[in-house]
Amino acid sequence: MRAVLDAKIEAHAHYSHALLHQSHTPDCLYYRVNVEGVPFAWGTLSEAAARYAANAEAGIQDRESPWNILKVEVRGNVAAAKLEVRVGGVRFIDHLLLVRTGGQWRISAAAWGNPVPPP
């Protein structure tokens, strides 16, 4: 479990689309709440990976943002994790749904964003 969460954090730090694909199921959906002025949006893993690849190609990384794993709950082959990261002074929360398939944990859905809407 910890390895897949670490891979997700590293994927963000380096904007690695390869790590993003390794740590998520292919059909994973990403839901965004209060991100970049948009109250709610969703996208596919492929769209997220394309954004990561564009950032990596531009030389952008985010290794300075501190991550905390706040909670993990496991029930058989299904788990939920809550992570926190601060990017540019803004606190973002990731709620992740994980599944164990083929003996490995993968993120199958993610809802993340700023829990406090901007004024």
PDB file of N, CA and C in Angstrom:
ATOM      1  N   MET A   1       0.839  -1.192   0.000  1.00  0.00           N
ATOM      2  CA  MET A   1       0.000   0.000   0.000  1.00  0.00           C
ATOM      3  C   MET A   1       0.881   1.251   0.000  1.00  0.00           C
ATOM      4  N   ARG A   2       1.858   1.272   0.905  1.00  0.00           N
ATOM      5  CA  ARG A   2       2.714   2.454   1.014  1.00  0.00           C
ATOM      6  C   ARG A   2       3.468   2.719  -0.296  1.00  0.00           C
ATOM      7  N   ALA A   3       3.872   1.655  -0.981  1.00  0.00           N
ATOM      8  CA  ALA A   3       4.635   1.816  -2.226  1.00  0.00           C
ATOM      9  C   ALA A   3       3.823   2.553  -3.294  1.00  0.00           C
ATOM     10  N   VAL A   4       2.538   2.242  -3.415  1.00  0.00           N
ATOM     11  CA  VAL A   4       1.730   2.907  -4.436  1.00  0.00           C
ATOM     12  C   VAL A   4       1.472   4.369  -4.049  1.00  0.00           C
ATOM     13  N   LEU A   5       1.312   4.656  -2.761  1.00  0.00           N
ATOM     14  CA  LEU A   5       1.141   6.051  -2.334  1.00  0.00           C
ATOM     15  C   LEU A   5       2.429   6.833  -2.560  1.00  0.00           C
ATOM     16  N   ASP A   6       3.568   6.214  -2.252  1.00  0.00           N
ATOM     17  CA  ASP A   6       4.856   6.867  -2.512  1.00  0.00           C
ATOM     18  C   ASP A   6       5.051   7.121  -4.006  1.00  0.00           C
ATOM     19  N   ALA A   7       4.633   6.164  -4.847  1.00  0.00           N
ATOM     20  CA  ALA A   7       4.757   6.345  -6.296  1.00  0.00           C
ATOM     21  C   ALA A   7       3.885   7.494  -6.775  1.00  0.00           C
ATOM     22  N   LYS A   8       2.688   7.633  -6.209  1.00  0.00           N
ATOM     23  CA  LYS A   8       1.800   8.741  -6.581  1.00  0.00           C
ATOM     24  C   LYS A   8       2.423  10.077  -6.200  1.00  0.00           C
ATOM     25  N   ILE A   9       3.024  10.133  -4.991  1.00  0.00           N
ATOM     26  CA  ILE A   9       3.682  11.363  -4.533  1.00  0.00           C
ATOM     27  C   ILE A   9       4.883  11.684  -5.417  1.00  0.00           C
ATOM     28  N   GLU A  10       5.685  10.682  -5.738  1.00  0.00           N
ATOM     29  CA  GLU A  10       6.846  10.882  -6.616  1.00  0.00           C
ATOM     30  C   GLU A  10       6.411  11.290  -8.022  1.00  0.00           C
ATOM     31  N   ALA A  11       5.310  10.717  -8.506  1.00  0.00           N
ATOM     32  CA  ALA A  11       4.797  11.101  -9.826  1.00  0.00           C
ATOM     33  C   ALA A  11       4.511  12.593  -9.852  1.00  0.00           C
ATOM     34  N   HIS A  12       3.899  13.105  -8.788  1.00  0.00           N
ATOM     35  CA  HIS A  12       3.618  14.539  -8.711  1.00  0.00           C
ATOM     36  C   HIS A  12       4.910  15.351  -8.617  1.00  0.00           C
ATOM     37  N   ALA A  13       5.825  14.912  -7.768  1.00  0.00           N
ATOM     38  CA  ALA A  13       7.067  15.664  -7.547  1.00  0.00           C
ATOM     39  C   ALA A  13       7.854  15.859  -8.839  1.00  0.00           C
ATOM     40  N   HIS A  14       7.871  14.831  -9.679  1.00  0.00           N
ATOM     41  CA  HIS A  14       8.650  14.879 -10.917  1.00  0.00           C
ATOM     42  C   HIS A  14       7.777  15.055 -12.159  1.00  0.00           C
ATOM     43  N   TYR A  15       6.481  15.176 -11.954  1.00  0.00           N
ATOM     44  CA  TYR A  15       5.519  15.200 -13.053  1.00  0.00           C
ATOM     45  C   TYR A  15       5.810  14.057 -14.020  1.00  0.00           C
ATOM     46  N   SER A  16       5.929  12.868 -13.449  1.00  0.00           N
ATOM     47  CA  SER A  16       6.244  11.671 -14.215  1.00  0.00           C
ATOM     48  C   SER A  16       4.966  10.968 -14.660  1.00  0.00           C
ATOM     49  N   HIS A  17       4.688  11.039 -15.948  1.00  0.00           N
ATOM     50  CA  HIS A  17       3.508  10.340 -16.467  1.00  0.00           C
ATOM     51  C   HIS A  17       3.689   8.829 -16.361  1.00  0.00           C
ATOM     52  N   ALA A  18       4.921   8.344 -16.433  1.00  0.00           N
ATOM     53  CA  ALA A  18       5.169   6.901 -16.313  1.00  0.00           C
ATOM     54  C   ALA A  18       4.808   6.410 -14.908  1.00  0.00           C
ATOM     55  N   LEU A  19       5.231   7.133 -13.871  1.00  0.00           N
ATOM     56  CA  LEU A  19       4.873   6.750 -12.496  1.00  0.00           C
ATOM     57  C   LEU A  19       3.377   6.877 -12.255  1.00  0.00           C
ATOM     58  N   LEU A  20       2.769   7.862 -12.872  1.00  0.00           N
ATOM     59  CA  LEU A  20       1.324   8.026 -12.737  1.00  0.00           C
ATOM     60  C   LEU A  20       0.615   6.788 -13.297  1.00  0.00           C
ATOM     61  N   HIS A  21       1.030   6.344 -14.465  1.00  0.00           N
ATOM     62  CA  HIS A  21       0.419   5.149 -15.057  1.00  0.00           C
ATOM     63  C   HIS A  21       0.701   3.899 -14.226  1.00  0.00           C
ATOM     64  N   GLN A  22       1.887   3.792 -13.639  1.00  0.00           N
ATOM     65  CA  GLN A  22       2.238   2.620 -12.841  1.00  0.00           C
ATOM     66  C   GLN A  22       1.419   2.538 -11.551  1.00  0.00           C
ATOM     67  N   SER A  23       1.060   3.672 -10.987  1.00  0.00           N
ATOM     68  CA  SER A  23       0.400   3.690  -9.683  1.00  0.00           C
ATOM     69  C   SER A  23      -1.127   3.731  -9.766  1.00  0.00           C
ATOM     70  N   HIS A  24      -1.679   3.847 -10.960  1.00  0.00           N
ATOM     71  CA  HIS A  24      -3.121   3.971 -11.147  1.00  0.00           C
ATOM     72  C   HIS A  24      -3.646   2.887 -12.088  1.00  0.00           C
ATOM     73  N   THR A  25      -4.925   2.564 -11.940  1.00  0.00           N
ATOM     74  CA  THR A  25      -5.565   1.685 -12.917  1.00  0.00           C
ATOM     75  C   THR A  25      -5.767   2.479 -14.210  1.00  0.00           C
ATOM     76  N   PRO A  26      -5.792   1.815 -15.354  1.00  0.00           N
ATOM     77  CA  PRO A  26      -5.915   2.542 -16.632  1.00  0.00           C
ATOM     78  C   PRO A  26      -7.192   3.374 -16.749  1.00  0.00           C
ATOM     79  N   ASP A  27      -8.266   2.958 -16.082  1.00  0.00           N
ATOM     80  CA  ASP A  27      -9.540   3.674 -16.198  1.00  0.00           C
ATOM     81  C   ASP A  27      -9.802   4.624 -15.035  1.00  0.00           C
ATOM     82  N   CYS A  28      -8.765   4.957 -14.283  1.00  0.00           N
ATOM     83  CA  CYS A  28      -8.902   5.851 -13.124  1.00  0.00           C
ATOM     84  C   CYS A  28      -9.438   7.218 -13.553  1.00  0.00           C
ATOM     85  N   LEU A  29     -10.386   7.723 -12.791  1.00  0.00           N
ATOM     86  CA  LEU A  29     -10.909   9.070 -13.017  1.00  0.00           C
ATOM     87  C   LEU A  29     -10.382  10.000 -11.934  1.00  0.00           C
ATOM     88  N   TYR A  30     -10.099  11.230 -12.325  1.00  0.00           N
ATOM     89  CA  TYR A  30      -9.642  12.276 -11.418  1.00  0.00           C
ATOM     90  C   TYR A  30     -10.729  13.335 -11.309  1.00  0.00           C
ATOM     91  N   TYR A  31     -11.160  13.595 -10.094  1.00  0.00           N
ATOM     92  CA  TYR A  31     -12.134  14.655  -9.835  1.00  0.00           C
ATOM     93  C   TYR A  31     -11.391  15.800  -9.146  1.00  0.00           C
ATOM     94  N   ARG A  32     -11.614  17.027  -9.611  1.00  0.00           N
ATOM     95  CA  ARG A  32     -10.956  18.203  -9.045  1.00  0.00           C
ATOM     96  C   ARG A  32     -12.012  19.135  -8.455  1.00  0.00           C
ATOM     97  N   VAL A  33     -11.749  19.615  -7.236  1.00  0.00           N
ATOM     98  CA  VAL A  33     -12.665  20.515  -6.541  1.00  0.00           C
ATOM     99  C   VAL A  33     -11.902  21.777  -6.168  1.00  0.00           C
ATOM    100  N   ASN A  34     -12.415  22.923  -6.614  1.00  0.00           N
ATOM    101  CA  ASN A  34     -11.804  24.230  -6.314  1.00  0.00           C
ATOM    102  C   ASN A  34     -10.341  24.293  -6.736  1.00  0.00           C
ATOM    103  N   VAL A  35     -10.061  23.873  -7.952  1.00  0.00           N
ATOM    104  CA  VAL A  35      -8.710  23.913  -8.500  1.00  0.00           C
ATOM    105  C   VAL A  35      -8.695  24.889  -9.664  1.00  0.00           C
ATOM    106  N   GLU A  36      -7.765  25.844  -9.609  1.00  0.00           N
ATOM    107  CA  GLU A  36      -7.592  26.847 -10.667  1.00  0.00           C
ATOM    108  C   GLU A  36      -8.890  27.574 -10.995  1.00  0.00           C
ATOM    109  N   GLY A  37      -9.648  27.916  -9.953  1.00  0.00           N
ATOM    110  CA  GLY A  37     -10.859  28.699 -10.116  1.00  0.00           C
ATOM    111  C   GLY A  37     -12.077  27.930 -10.607  1.00  0.00           C
ATOM    112  N   VAL A  38     -11.951  26.628 -10.767  1.00  0.00           N
ATOM    113  CA  VAL A  38     -13.076  25.816 -11.249  1.00  0.00           C
ATOM    114  C   VAL A  38     -13.661  25.057 -10.057  1.00  0.00           C
ATOM    115  N   PRO A  39     -14.961  25.230  -9.784  1.00  0.00           N
ATOM    116  CA  PRO A  39     -15.564  24.573  -8.617  1.00  0.00           C
ATOM    117  C   PRO A  39     -15.519  23.047  -8.683  1.00  0.00           C
ATOM    118  N   PHE A  40     -15.729  22.465  -9.879  1.00  0.00           N
ATOM    119  CA  PHE A  40     -15.740  21.006  -9.994  1.00  0.00           C
ATOM    120  C   PHE A  40     -15.451  20.626 -11.439  1.00  0.00           C
ATOM    121  N   ALA A  41     -14.565  19.641 -11.608  1.00  0.00           N
ATOM    122  CA  ALA A  41     -14.253  19.123 -12.940  1.00  0.00           C
ATOM    123  C   ALA A  41     -13.741  17.702 -12.785  1.00  0.00           C
ATOM    124  N   TRP A  42     -13.742  16.970 -13.868  1.00  0.00           N
ATOM    125  CA  TRP A  42     -13.188  15.624 -13.818  1.00  0.00           C
ATOM    126  C   TRP A  42     -12.467  15.352 -15.122  1.00  0.00           C
ATOM    127  N   GLY A  43     -11.589  14.361 -15.061  1.00  0.00           N
ATOM    128  CA  GLY A  43     -10.848  13.977 -16.246  1.00  0.00           C
ATOM    129  C   GLY A  43     -10.323  12.562 -16.095  1.00  0.00           C
ATOM    130  N   THR A  44      -9.767  12.055 -17.157  1.00  0.00           N
ATOM    131  CA  THR A  44      -9.255  10.702 -17.178  1.00  0.00           C
ATOM    132  C   THR A  44      -7.789  10.671 -16.750  1.00  0.00           C
ATOM    133  N   LEU A  45      -7.306   9.494 -16.462  1.00  0.00           N
ATOM    134  CA  LEU A  45      -5.898   9.317 -16.147  1.00  0.00           C
ATOM    135  C   LEU A  45      -5.033   9.759 -17.326  1.00  0.00           C
ATOM    136  N   SER A  46      -5.458   9.469 -18.537  1.00  0.00           N
ATOM    137  CA  SER A  46      -4.699   9.870 -19.723  1.00  0.00           C
ATOM    138  C   SER A  46      -4.554  11.382 -19.803  1.00  0.00           C
ATOM    139  N   GLU A  47      -5.614  12.113 -19.456  1.00  0.00           N
ATOM    140  CA  GLU A  47      -5.541  13.583 -19.464  1.00  0.00           C
ATOM    141  C   GLU A  47      -4.572  14.080 -18.397  1.00  0.00           C
ATOM    142  N   ALA A  48      -4.631  13.483 -17.207  1.00  0.00           N
ATOM    143  CA  ALA A  48      -3.704  13.866 -16.136  1.00  0.00           C
ATOM    144  C   ALA A  48      -2.273  13.552 -16.543  1.00  0.00           C
ATOM    145  N   ALA A  49      -2.057  12.390 -17.141  1.00  0.00           N
ATOM    146  CA  ALA A  49      -0.718  11.997 -17.577  1.00  0.00           C
ATOM    147  C   ALA A  49      -0.192  12.955 -18.652  1.00  0.00           C
ATOM    148  N   ALA A  50      -1.058  13.418 -19.532  1.00  0.00           N
ATOM    149  CA  ALA A  50      -0.646  14.377 -20.562  1.00  0.00           C
ATOM    150  C   ALA A  50      -0.206  15.699 -19.925  1.00  0.00           C
ATOM    151  N   ARG A  51      -0.918  16.151 -18.885  1.00  0.00           N
ATOM    152  CA  ARG A  51      -0.509  17.372 -18.173  1.00  0.00           C
ATOM    153  C   ARG A  51       0.838  17.164 -17.489  1.00  0.00           C
ATOM    154  N   TYR A  52       1.013  15.990 -16.865  1.00  0.00           N
ATOM    155  CA  TYR A  52       2.287  15.683 -16.223  1.00  0.00           C
ATOM    156  C   TYR A  52       3.414  15.689 -17.255  1.00  0.00           C
ATOM    157  N   ALA A  53       3.195  15.060 -18.399  1.00  0.00           N
ATOM    158  CA  ALA A  53       4.218  14.982 -19.443  1.00  0.00           C
ATOM    159  C   ALA A  53       4.580  16.380 -19.953  1.00  0.00           C
ATOM    160  N   ALA A  54       3.573  17.235 -20.115  1.00  0.00           N
ATOM    161  CA  ALA A  54       3.838  18.608 -20.575  1.00  0.00           C
ATOM    162  C   ALA A  54       4.682  19.363 -19.548  1.00  0.00           C
ATOM    163  N   ASN A  55       4.363  19.213 -18.269  1.00  0.00           N
ATOM    164  CA  ASN A  55       5.160  19.859 -17.222  1.00  0.00           C
ATOM    165  C   ASN A  55       6.590  19.328 -17.216  1.00  0.00           C
ATOM    166  N   ALA A  56       6.737  18.017 -17.309  1.00  0.00           N
ATOM    167  CA  ALA A  56       8.072  17.410 -17.303  1.00  0.00           C
ATOM    168  C   ALA A  56       8.879  17.889 -18.500  1.00  0.00           C
ATOM    169  N   GLU A  57       8.232  17.954 -19.660  1.00  0.00           N
ATOM    170  CA  GLU A  57       8.914  18.412 -20.870  1.00  0.00           C
ATOM    171  C   GLU A  57       9.367  19.866 -20.732  1.00  0.00           C
ATOM    172  N   ALA A  58       8.595  20.666 -19.990  1.00  0.00           N
ATOM    173  CA  ALA A  58       8.950  22.069 -19.758  1.00  0.00           C
ATOM    174  C   ALA A  58       9.965  22.225 -18.627  1.00  0.00           C
ATOM    175  N   GLY A  59      10.359  21.100 -18.012  1.00  0.00           N
ATOM    176  CA  GLY A  59      11.338  21.155 -16.930  1.00  0.00           C
ATOM    177  C   GLY A  59      10.756  21.525 -15.582  1.00  0.00           C
ATOM    178  N   ILE A  60       9.437  21.443 -15.445  1.00  0.00           N
ATOM    179  CA  ILE A  60       8.764  21.795 -14.193  1.00  0.00           C
ATOM    180  C   ILE A  60       8.752  20.586 -13.266  1.00  0.00           C
ATOM    181  N   GLN A  61       9.101  20.831 -12.014  1.00  0.00           N
ATOM    182  CA  GLN A  61       9.012  19.809 -10.975  1.00  0.00           C
ATOM    183  C   GLN A  61       8.401  20.451  -9.736  1.00  0.00           C
ATOM    184  N   ASP A  62       7.952  19.626  -8.806  1.00  0.00           N
ATOM    185  CA  ASP A  62       7.403  20.136  -7.553  1.00  0.00           C
ATOM    186  C   ASP A  62       7.860  19.237  -6.409  1.00  0.00           C
ATOM    187  N   ARG A  63       9.174  19.183  -6.209  1.00  0.00           N
ATOM    188  CA  ARG A  63       9.719  18.339  -5.149  1.00  0.00           C
ATOM    189  C   ARG A  63       9.689  19.025  -3.791  1.00  0.00           C
ATOM    190  N   GLU A  64       9.419  20.325  -3.754  1.00  0.00           N
ATOM    191  CA  GLU A  64       9.438  21.066  -2.495  1.00  0.00           C
ATOM    192  C   GLU A  64       8.136  20.969  -1.712  1.00  0.00           C
ATOM    193  N   SER A  65       7.036  20.680  -2.382  1.00  0.00           N
ATOM    194  CA  SER A  65       5.743  20.654  -1.697  1.00  0.00           C
ATOM    195  C   SER A  65       5.673  19.472  -0.734  1.00  0.00           C
ATOM    196  N   PRO A  66       5.396  19.755   0.549  1.00  0.00           N
ATOM    197  CA  PRO A  66       5.355  18.672   1.543  1.00  0.00           C
ATOM    198  C   PRO A  66       4.044  17.888   1.495  1.00  0.00           C
ATOM    199  N   TRP A  67       4.155  16.559   1.451  1.00  0.00           N
ATOM    200  CA  TRP A  67       3.013  15.654   1.453  1.00  0.00           C
ATOM    201  C   TRP A  67       2.913  14.975   2.802  1.00  0.00           C
ATOM    202  N   ASN A  68       1.692  14.709   3.230  1.00  0.00           N
ATOM    203  CA  ASN A  68       1.421  13.910   4.428  1.00  0.00           C
ATOM    204  C   ASN A  68       0.341  12.900   4.100  1.00  0.00           C
ATOM    205  N   ILE A  69       0.562  11.666   4.515  1.00  0.00           N
ATOM    206  CA  ILE A  69      -0.488  10.660   4.415  1.00  0.00           C
ATOM    207  C   ILE A  69      -1.264  10.747   5.721  1.00  0.00           C
ATOM    208  N   LEU A  70      -2.497  11.235   5.647  1.00  0.00           N
ATOM    209  CA  LEU A  70      -3.300  11.493   6.835  1.00  0.00           C
ATOM    210  C   LEU A  70      -4.028  10.253   7.349  1.00  0.00           C
ATOM    211  N   LYS A  71      -4.489   9.410   6.422  1.00  0.00           N
ATOM    212  CA  LYS A  71      -5.263   8.246   6.850  1.00  0.00           C
ATOM    213  C   LYS A  71      -5.278   7.202   5.740  1.00  0.00           C
ATOM    214  N   VAL A  72      -5.210   5.945   6.151  1.00  0.00           N
ATOM    215  CA  VAL A  72      -5.362   4.821   5.231  1.00  0.00           C
ATOM    216  C   VAL A  72      -6.263   3.807   5.915  1.00  0.00           C
ATOM    217  N   GLU A  73      -7.246   3.331   5.175  1.00  0.00           N
ATOM    218  CA  GLU A  73      -8.148   2.311   5.700  1.00  0.00           C
ATOM    219  C   GLU A  73      -8.251   1.196   4.667  1.00  0.00           C
ATOM    220  N   VAL A  74      -7.994  -0.025   5.106  1.00  0.00           N
ATOM    221  CA  VAL A  74      -7.974  -1.175   4.204  1.00  0.00           C
ATOM    222  C   VAL A  74      -9.069  -2.155   4.611  1.00  0.00           C
ATOM    223  N   ARG A  75      -9.818  -2.615   3.631  1.00  0.00           N
ATOM    224  CA  ARG A  75     -10.836  -3.644   3.831  1.00  0.00           C
ATOM    225  C   ARG A  75     -10.665  -4.671   2.719  1.00  0.00           C
ATOM    226  N   GLY A  76      -9.902  -5.713   2.993  1.00  0.00           N
ATOM    227  CA  GLY A  76      -9.663  -6.738   1.982  1.00  0.00           C
ATOM    228  C   GLY A  76      -8.875  -6.184   0.810  1.00  0.00           C
ATOM    229  N   ASN A  77      -9.468  -6.225  -0.383  1.00  0.00           N
ATOM    230  CA  ASN A  77      -8.807  -5.764  -1.603  1.00  0.00           C
ATOM    231  C   ASN A  77      -9.191  -4.343  -2.005  1.00  0.00           C
ATOM    232  N   VAL A  78      -9.828  -3.622  -1.079  1.00  0.00           N
ATOM    233  CA  VAL A  78     -10.221  -2.229  -1.323  1.00  0.00           C
ATOM    234  C   VAL A  78      -9.678  -1.382  -0.188  1.00  0.00           C
ATOM    235  N   ALA A  79      -9.206  -0.185  -0.527  1.00  0.00           N
ATOM    236  CA  ALA A  79      -8.679   0.711   0.494  1.00  0.00           C
ATOM    237  C   ALA A  79      -9.001   2.157   0.127  1.00  0.00           C
ATOM    238  N   ALA A  80      -8.943   3.002   1.137  1.00  0.00           N
ATOM    239  CA  ALA A  80      -9.108   4.443   0.936  1.00  0.00           C
ATOM    240  C   ALA A  80      -7.940   5.132   1.628  1.00  0.00           C
ATOM    241  N   ALA A  81      -7.454   6.198   1.011  1.00  0.00           N
ATOM    242  CA  ALA A  81      -6.357   6.961   1.591  1.00  0.00           C
ATOM    243  C   ALA A  81      -6.672   8.446   1.466  1.00  0.00           C
ATOM    244  N   LYS A  82      -6.241   9.179   2.475  1.00  0.00           N
ATOM    245  CA  LYS A  82      -6.401  10.634   2.476  1.00  0.00           C
ATOM    246  C   LYS A  82      -5.008  11.235   2.607  1.00  0.00           C
ATOM    247  N   LEU A  83      -4.629  12.058   1.627  1.00  0.00           N
ATOM    248  CA  LEU A  83      -3.321  12.692   1.616  1.00  0.00           C
ATOM    249  C   LEU A  83      -3.498  14.201   1.607  1.00  0.00           C
ATOM    250  N   GLU A  84      -2.479  14.878   2.066  1.00  0.00           N
ATOM    251  CA  GLU A  84      -2.482  16.346   2.097  1.00  0.00           C
ATOM    252  C   GLU A  84      -1.182  16.821   1.483  1.00  0.00           C
ATOM    253  N   VAL A  85      -1.271  17.889   0.705  1.00  0.00           N
ATOM    254  CA  VAL A  85      -0.077  18.539   0.158  1.00  0.00           C
ATOM    255  C   VAL A  85      -0.311  20.050   0.170  1.00  0.00           C
ATOM    256  N   ARG A  86       0.752  20.773   0.393  1.00  0.00           N
ATOM    257  CA  ARG A  86       0.685  22.236   0.317  1.00  0.00           C
ATOM    258  C   ARG A  86       1.511  22.686  -0.880  1.00  0.00           C
ATOM    259  N   VAL A  87       0.822  23.334  -1.812  1.00  0.00           N
ATOM    260  CA  VAL A  87       1.462  23.821  -3.027  1.00  0.00           C
ATOM    261  C   VAL A  87       1.270  25.327  -3.070  1.00  0.00           C
ATOM    262  N   GLY A  88       2.377  26.056  -3.026  1.00  0.00           N
ATOM    263  CA  GLY A  88       2.281  27.514  -3.083  1.00  0.00           C
ATOM    264  C   GLY A  88       1.420  28.105  -1.989  1.00  0.00           C
ATOM    265  N   GLY A  89       1.454  27.523  -0.807  1.00  0.00           N
ATOM    266  CA  GLY A  89       0.691  28.032   0.318  1.00  0.00           C
ATOM    267  C   GLY A  89      -0.760  27.584   0.356  1.00  0.00           C
ATOM    268  N   VAL A  90      -1.195  26.824  -0.638  1.00  0.00           N
ATOM    269  CA  VAL A  90      -2.571  26.332  -0.682  1.00  0.00           C
ATOM    270  C   VAL A  90      -2.574  24.869  -0.255  1.00  0.00           C
ATOM    271  N   ARG A  91      -3.497  24.518   0.629  1.00  0.00           N
ATOM    272  CA  ARG A  91      -3.627  23.134   1.108  1.00  0.00           C
ATOM    273  C   ARG A  91      -4.574  22.376   0.191  1.00  0.00           C
ATOM    274  N   PHE A  92      -4.083  21.286  -0.362  1.00  0.00           N
ATOM    275  CA  PHE A  92      -4.899  20.401  -1.186  1.00  0.00           C
ATOM    276  C   PHE A  92      -5.030  19.062  -0.472  1.00  0.00           C
ATOM    277  N   ILE A  93      -6.190  18.453  -0.613  1.00  0.00           N
ATOM    278  CA  ILE A  93      -6.465  17.133  -0.041  1.00  0.00           C
ATOM    279  C   ILE A  93      -6.751  16.175  -1.197  1.00  0.00           C
ATOM    280  N   ASP A  94      -6.137  15.005  -1.145  1.00  0.00           N
ATOM    281  CA  ASP A  94      -6.418  13.925  -2.091  1.00  0.00           C
ATOM    282  C   ASP A  94      -7.174  12.828  -1.349  1.00  0.00           C
ATOM    283  N   HIS A  95      -8.310  12.436  -1.876  1.00  0.00           N
ATOM    284  CA  HIS A  95      -9.039  11.262  -1.386  1.00  0.00           C
ATOM    285  C   HIS A  95      -8.887  10.206  -2.471  1.00  0.00           C
ATOM    286  N   LEU A  96      -8.258   9.094  -2.126  1.00  0.00           N
ATOM    287  CA  LEU A  96      -7.951   8.067  -3.106  1.00  0.00           C
ATOM    288  C   LEU A  96      -8.683   6.771  -2.790  1.00  0.00           C
ATOM    289  N   LEU A  97      -9.223   6.144  -3.820  1.00  0.00           N
ATOM    290  CA  LEU A  97      -9.794   4.813  -3.711  1.00  0.00           C
ATOM    291  C   LEU A  97      -8.805   3.873  -4.378  1.00  0.00           C
ATOM    292  N   LEU A  98      -8.397   2.831  -3.649  1.00  0.00           N
ATOM    293  CA  LEU A  98      -7.408   1.896  -4.160  1.00  0.00           C
ATOM    294  C   LEU A  98      -7.996   0.495  -4.232  1.00  0.00           C
ATOM    295  N   VAL A  99      -7.520  -0.275  -5.195  1.00  0.00           N
ATOM    296  CA  VAL A  99      -7.906  -1.673  -5.320  1.00  0.00           C
ATOM    297  C   VAL A  99      -6.642  -2.516  -5.455  1.00  0.00           C
ATOM    298  N   ARG A 100      -6.715  -3.724  -4.908  1.00  0.00           N
ATOM    299  CA  ARG A 100      -5.598  -4.660  -5.076  1.00  0.00           C
ATOM    300  C   ARG A 100      -6.008  -5.626  -6.178  1.00  0.00           C
ATOM    301  N   THR A 101      -5.263  -5.597  -7.249  1.00  0.00           N
ATOM    302  CA  THR A 101      -5.544  -6.465  -8.383  1.00  0.00           C
ATOM    303  C   THR A 101      -4.233  -7.074  -8.840  1.00  0.00           C
ATOM    304  N   GLY A 102      -4.250  -8.368  -9.105  1.00  0.00           N
ATOM    305  CA  GLY A 102      -3.029  -9.052  -9.507  1.00  0.00           C
ATOM    306  C   GLY A 102      -1.956  -8.991  -8.430  1.00  0.00           C
ATOM    307  N   GLY A 103      -2.385  -8.880  -7.169  1.00  0.00           N
ATOM    308  CA  GLY A 103      -1.440  -8.828  -6.058  1.00  0.00           C
ATOM    309  C   GLY A 103      -0.815  -7.467  -5.815  1.00  0.00           C
ATOM    310  N   GLN A 104      -1.228  -6.440  -6.584  1.00  0.00           N
ATOM    311  CA  GLN A 104      -0.655  -5.107  -6.417  1.00  0.00           C
ATOM    312  C   GLN A 104      -1.751  -4.066  -6.199  1.00  0.00           C
ATOM    313  N   TRP A 105      -1.444  -3.100  -5.348  1.00  0.00           N
ATOM    314  CA  TRP A 105      -2.360  -1.989  -5.116  1.00  0.00           C
ATOM    315  C   TRP A 105      -2.225  -0.973  -6.238  1.00  0.00           C
ATOM    316  N   ARG A 106      -3.375  -0.412  -6.656  1.00  0.00           N
ATOM    317  CA  ARG A 106      -3.416   0.649  -7.652  1.00  0.00           C
ATOM    318  C   ARG A 106      -4.507   1.640  -7.249  1.00  0.00           C
ATOM    319  N   ILE A 107      -4.313   2.884  -7.600  1.00  0.00           N
ATOM    320  CA  ILE A 107      -5.326   3.917  -7.363  1.00  0.00           C
ATOM    321  C   ILE A 107      -6.360   3.807  -8.482  1.00  0.00           C
ATOM    322  N   SER A 108      -7.629   3.662  -8.107  1.00  0.00           N
ATOM    323  CA  SER A 108      -8.672   3.480  -9.115  1.00  0.00           C
ATOM    324  C   SER A 108      -9.575   4.710  -9.263  1.00  0.00           C
ATOM    325  N   ALA A 109      -9.526   5.627  -8.311  1.00  0.00           N
ATOM    326  CA  ALA A 109     -10.277   6.883  -8.410  1.00  0.00           C
ATOM    327  C   ALA A 109      -9.627   7.884  -7.465  1.00  0.00           C
ATOM    328  N   ALA A 110      -9.675   9.148  -7.842  1.00  0.00           N
ATOM    329  CA  ALA A 110      -9.087  10.199  -7.014  1.00  0.00           C
ATOM    330  C   ALA A 110      -9.977  11.434  -7.055  1.00  0.00           C
ATOM    331  N   ALA A 111     -10.233  11.986  -5.887  1.00  0.00           N
ATOM    332  CA  ALA A 111     -10.925  13.272  -5.779  1.00  0.00           C
ATOM    333  C   ALA A 111      -9.993  14.166  -4.984  1.00  0.00           C
ATOM    334  N   TRP A 112      -9.579  15.257  -5.598  1.00  0.00           N
ATOM    335  CA  TRP A 112      -8.614  16.114  -4.915  1.00  0.00           C
ATOM    336  C   TRP A 112      -8.958  17.575  -5.147  1.00  0.00           C
ATOM    337  N   GLY A 113      -8.442  18.386  -4.267  1.00  0.00           N
ATOM    338  CA  GLY A 113      -8.633  19.814  -4.458  1.00  0.00           C
ATOM    339  C   GLY A 113      -8.434  20.583  -3.173  1.00  0.00           C
ATOM    340  N   ASN A 114      -8.779  21.851  -3.252  1.00  0.00           N
ATOM    341  CA  ASN A 114      -8.692  22.772  -2.132  1.00  0.00           C
ATOM    342  C   ASN A 114     -10.002  22.658  -1.364  1.00  0.00           C
ATOM    343  N   PRO A 115      -9.957  22.159  -0.129  1.00  0.00           N
ATOM    344  CA  PRO A 115     -11.209  21.971   0.615  1.00  0.00           C
ATOM    345  C   PRO A 115     -11.904  23.280   0.972  1.00  0.00           C
ATOM    346  N   VAL A 116     -11.186  24.390   0.875  1.00  0.00           N
ATOM    347  CA  VAL A 116     -11.776  25.691   1.177  1.00  0.00           C
ATOM    348  C   VAL A 116     -11.883  26.489  -0.122  1.00  0.00           C
ATOM    349  N   PRO A 117     -13.094  26.748  -0.592  1.00  0.00           N
ATOM    350  CA  PRO A 117     -13.217  27.489  -1.849  1.00  0.00           C
ATOM    351  C   PRO A 117     -12.652  28.898  -1.715  1.00  0.00           C
ATOM    352  N   PRO A 118     -12.029  29.401  -2.776  1.00  0.00           N
ATOM    353  CA  PRO A 118     -11.500  30.757  -2.710  1.00  0.00           C
ATOM    354  C   PRO A 118     -12.624  31.776  -2.569  1.00  0.00           C
ATOM    355  N   PRO A 119     -12.313  32.928  -1.948  1.00  0.00           N
ATOM    356  CA  PRO A 119     -13.374  33.945  -1.753  1.00  0.00           C
ATOM    357  C   PRO A 119     -13.895  34.517  -3.047  1.00  0.00           C
TER     358      PRO A 119
END
